[in-house]
């Protein structure tokens, strides 16, 4: 999703929410799910950066409600 402020996933088995944030508003966020018998997911951002540009991301874990 273009311009995603955050990407997140909820893991019901351990009642946990994992989310990722970035400081670059034009970054494209994505979430990829695993497949049968592989309960996994990938959170991430893609973006282009220029010379000496820095892009930061933050990972957050919290109790799912």
N, C-alpha and C. Protein backbone atom coordinates (compact mmCIF):
# COMPACT_ATOMS: atom_id res chain seq x y z
N UNK A 1 0.85 -1.17 0.00
CA UNK A 1 0.00 0.00 0.00
C UNK A 1 0.89 1.24 0.00
N UNK A 2 0.68 2.08 -0.94
CA UNK A 2 1.47 3.29 -1.05
C UNK A 2 1.13 4.27 0.08
N UNK A 3 2.15 4.88 0.67
CA UNK A 3 1.95 5.87 1.73
C UNK A 3 1.43 5.28 3.03
N UNK A 4 1.71 4.01 3.29
CA UNK A 4 1.21 3.34 4.50
C UNK A 4 1.88 3.93 5.74
N UNK A 5 1.09 4.45 6.65
CA UNK A 5 1.63 5.00 7.89
C UNK A 5 2.14 3.88 8.79
N UNK A 6 1.50 2.71 8.71
CA UNK A 6 1.94 1.56 9.48
C UNK A 6 1.51 0.29 8.79
N UNK A 7 2.23 -0.79 9.04
CA UNK A 7 1.84 -2.13 8.61
C UNK A 7 1.79 -2.97 9.88
N UNK A 8 0.82 -3.88 9.97
CA UNK A 8 0.69 -4.65 11.21
C UNK A 8 0.08 -6.02 10.96
N UNK A 9 0.25 -6.88 11.95
CA UNK A 9 -0.32 -8.23 11.92
C UNK A 9 -0.65 -8.62 13.35
N UNK A 10 -1.71 -9.38 13.51
CA UNK A 10 -2.10 -9.90 14.82
C UNK A 10 -1.85 -11.40 14.83
N UNK A 11 -1.23 -11.88 15.90
CA UNK A 11 -0.94 -13.30 16.07
C UNK A 11 -1.86 -13.81 17.18
N UNK A 12 -3.01 -14.38 16.80
CA UNK A 12 -4.00 -14.79 17.81
C UNK A 12 -3.48 -15.84 18.79
N UNK A 13 -2.65 -16.75 18.34
CA UNK A 13 -2.17 -17.83 19.21
C UNK A 13 -1.44 -17.31 20.45
N UNK A 14 -0.79 -16.17 20.34
CA UNK A 14 -0.08 -15.59 21.49
C UNK A 14 -0.62 -14.21 21.85
N UNK A 15 -1.79 -13.86 21.30
CA UNK A 15 -2.48 -12.60 21.60
C UNK A 15 -1.53 -11.40 21.50
N UNK A 16 -0.85 -11.28 20.37
CA UNK A 16 0.14 -10.23 20.18
C UNK A 16 -0.09 -9.51 18.86
N UNK A 17 0.09 -8.20 18.88
CA UNK A 17 0.03 -7.40 17.66
C UNK A 17 1.44 -6.89 17.39
N UNK A 18 1.90 -7.06 16.15
CA UNK A 18 3.21 -6.59 15.71
C UNK A 18 2.96 -5.52 14.67
N UNK A 19 3.55 -4.35 14.84
CA UNK A 19 3.37 -3.29 13.86
C UNK A 19 4.70 -2.62 13.56
N UNK A 20 4.79 -2.03 12.38
CA UNK A 20 6.00 -1.37 11.93
C UNK A 20 5.64 0.01 11.39
N UNK A 21 6.46 0.99 11.73
CA UNK A 21 6.25 2.38 11.30
C UNK A 21 7.49 2.87 10.59
N UNK A 22 7.33 3.90 9.76
CA UNK A 22 8.48 4.54 9.11
C UNK A 22 8.33 6.05 9.16
N UNK A 23 9.45 6.74 8.98
CA UNK A 23 9.41 8.20 8.98
C UNK A 23 9.35 8.78 7.56
N UNK A 24 9.26 7.91 6.56
CA UNK A 24 9.19 8.39 5.17
C UNK A 24 7.76 8.20 4.64
N UNK A 25 7.00 9.29 4.49
CA UNK A 25 5.60 9.20 4.09
C UNK A 25 5.36 8.57 2.71
N UNK A 26 6.33 8.63 1.82
CA UNK A 26 6.13 8.08 0.48
C UNK A 26 6.47 6.59 0.38
N UNK A 27 6.91 5.98 1.47
CA UNK A 27 7.28 4.56 1.44
C UNK A 27 6.05 3.69 1.21
N UNK A 28 6.25 2.56 0.53
CA UNK A 28 5.17 1.61 0.28
C UNK A 28 5.26 0.48 1.31
N UNK A 29 4.20 0.29 2.07
CA UNK A 29 4.19 -0.75 3.08
C UNK A 29 3.63 -2.05 2.53
N UNK A 30 4.08 -3.18 3.07
CA UNK A 30 3.54 -4.47 2.64
C UNK A 30 3.49 -5.45 3.80
N UNK A 31 2.55 -6.38 3.70
CA UNK A 31 2.41 -7.49 4.64
C UNK A 31 2.28 -8.75 3.80
N UNK A 32 3.11 -9.73 4.07
CA UNK A 32 3.03 -11.02 3.36
C UNK A 32 2.73 -12.10 4.38
N UNK A 33 1.72 -12.91 4.08
CA UNK A 33 1.35 -14.01 4.96
C UNK A 33 2.03 -15.29 4.51
N UNK A 34 2.20 -16.20 5.47
CA UNK A 34 2.72 -17.52 5.14
C UNK A 34 1.64 -18.33 4.46
N UNK A 35 1.83 -19.60 4.37
CA UNK A 35 0.86 -20.47 3.73
C UNK A 35 0.59 -21.64 4.68
N UNK A 36 -0.30 -22.53 4.30
CA UNK A 36 -0.69 -23.66 5.15
C UNK A 36 0.55 -24.32 5.74
N UNK A 37 0.50 -24.62 6.99
CA UNK A 37 1.59 -25.27 7.74
C UNK A 37 2.82 -24.38 7.91
N UNK A 38 2.73 -23.13 7.52
CA UNK A 38 3.82 -22.19 7.73
C UNK A 38 3.24 -20.88 8.28
N UNK A 39 2.90 -20.87 9.57
CA UNK A 39 2.25 -19.68 10.15
C UNK A 39 3.26 -18.56 10.39
N UNK A 40 3.56 -17.83 9.35
CA UNK A 40 4.51 -16.73 9.45
C UNK A 40 4.01 -15.54 8.64
N UNK A 41 4.63 -14.40 8.85
CA UNK A 41 4.30 -13.22 8.08
C UNK A 41 5.54 -12.34 8.00
N UNK A 42 5.52 -11.44 7.03
CA UNK A 42 6.62 -10.49 6.84
C UNK A 42 6.01 -9.09 6.76
N UNK A 43 6.54 -8.17 7.54
CA UNK A 43 6.15 -6.76 7.48
C UNK A 43 7.31 -6.00 6.88
N UNK A 44 7.04 -5.01 6.05
CA UNK A 44 8.14 -4.24 5.49
C UNK A 44 7.71 -3.01 4.73
N UNK A 45 8.70 -2.25 4.32
CA UNK A 45 8.52 -1.05 3.52
C UNK A 45 9.51 -1.07 2.37
N UNK A 46 9.11 -0.54 1.23
CA UNK A 46 10.04 -0.33 0.12
C UNK A 46 10.00 1.15 -0.24
N UNK A 47 11.13 1.67 -0.60
CA UNK A 47 11.22 3.08 -1.00
C UNK A 47 12.56 3.31 -1.69
N UNK A 48 12.65 4.37 -2.42
CA UNK A 48 13.93 4.75 -3.03
C UNK A 48 14.55 5.83 -2.15
N UNK A 49 15.86 5.73 -1.98
CA UNK A 49 16.55 6.74 -1.20
C UNK A 49 17.65 7.36 -2.04
N UNK A 50 17.98 8.59 -1.72
CA UNK A 50 19.05 9.29 -2.44
C UNK A 50 20.35 9.15 -1.66
N UNK A 51 21.41 9.65 -2.23
CA UNK A 51 22.73 9.57 -1.61
C UNK A 51 22.72 10.20 -0.22
N UNK A 52 23.17 9.46 0.78
CA UNK A 52 23.28 9.90 2.18
C UNK A 52 21.94 10.13 2.86
N UNK A 53 20.84 9.70 2.25
CA UNK A 53 19.53 9.82 2.90
C UNK A 53 19.37 8.66 3.89
N UNK A 54 18.71 8.93 4.98
CA UNK A 54 18.47 7.92 6.00
C UNK A 54 16.97 7.72 6.16
N UNK A 55 16.53 6.48 6.21
CA UNK A 55 15.13 6.15 6.45
C UNK A 55 15.09 5.27 7.70
N UNK A 56 14.24 5.63 8.65
CA UNK A 56 14.13 4.87 9.90
C UNK A 56 12.82 4.11 9.95
N UNK A 57 12.86 2.95 10.60
CA UNK A 57 11.65 2.18 10.87
C UNK A 57 11.66 1.77 12.33
N UNK A 58 10.47 1.55 12.88
CA UNK A 58 10.31 1.12 14.26
C UNK A 58 9.39 -0.08 14.30
N UNK A 59 9.77 -1.05 15.10
CA UNK A 59 8.97 -2.25 15.28
C UNK A 59 8.35 -2.19 16.67
N UNK A 60 7.05 -2.48 16.75
CA UNK A 60 6.33 -2.39 18.02
C UNK A 60 5.58 -3.69 18.29
N UNK A 61 5.72 -4.21 19.49
CA UNK A 61 4.98 -5.38 19.94
C UNK A 61 4.04 -4.96 21.04
N UNK A 62 2.79 -5.42 21.00
CA UNK A 62 1.84 -5.08 22.05
C UNK A 62 0.82 -6.20 22.22
N UNK A 63 0.19 -6.20 23.34
CA UNK A 63 -0.86 -7.17 23.63
C UNK A 63 -2.06 -6.88 22.75
N UNK A 64 -2.55 -7.90 22.04
CA UNK A 64 -3.74 -7.74 21.20
C UNK A 64 -4.98 -7.77 22.08
N UNK A 65 -5.95 -6.93 21.76
CA UNK A 65 -7.19 -6.89 22.56
C UNK A 65 -8.20 -7.85 22.01
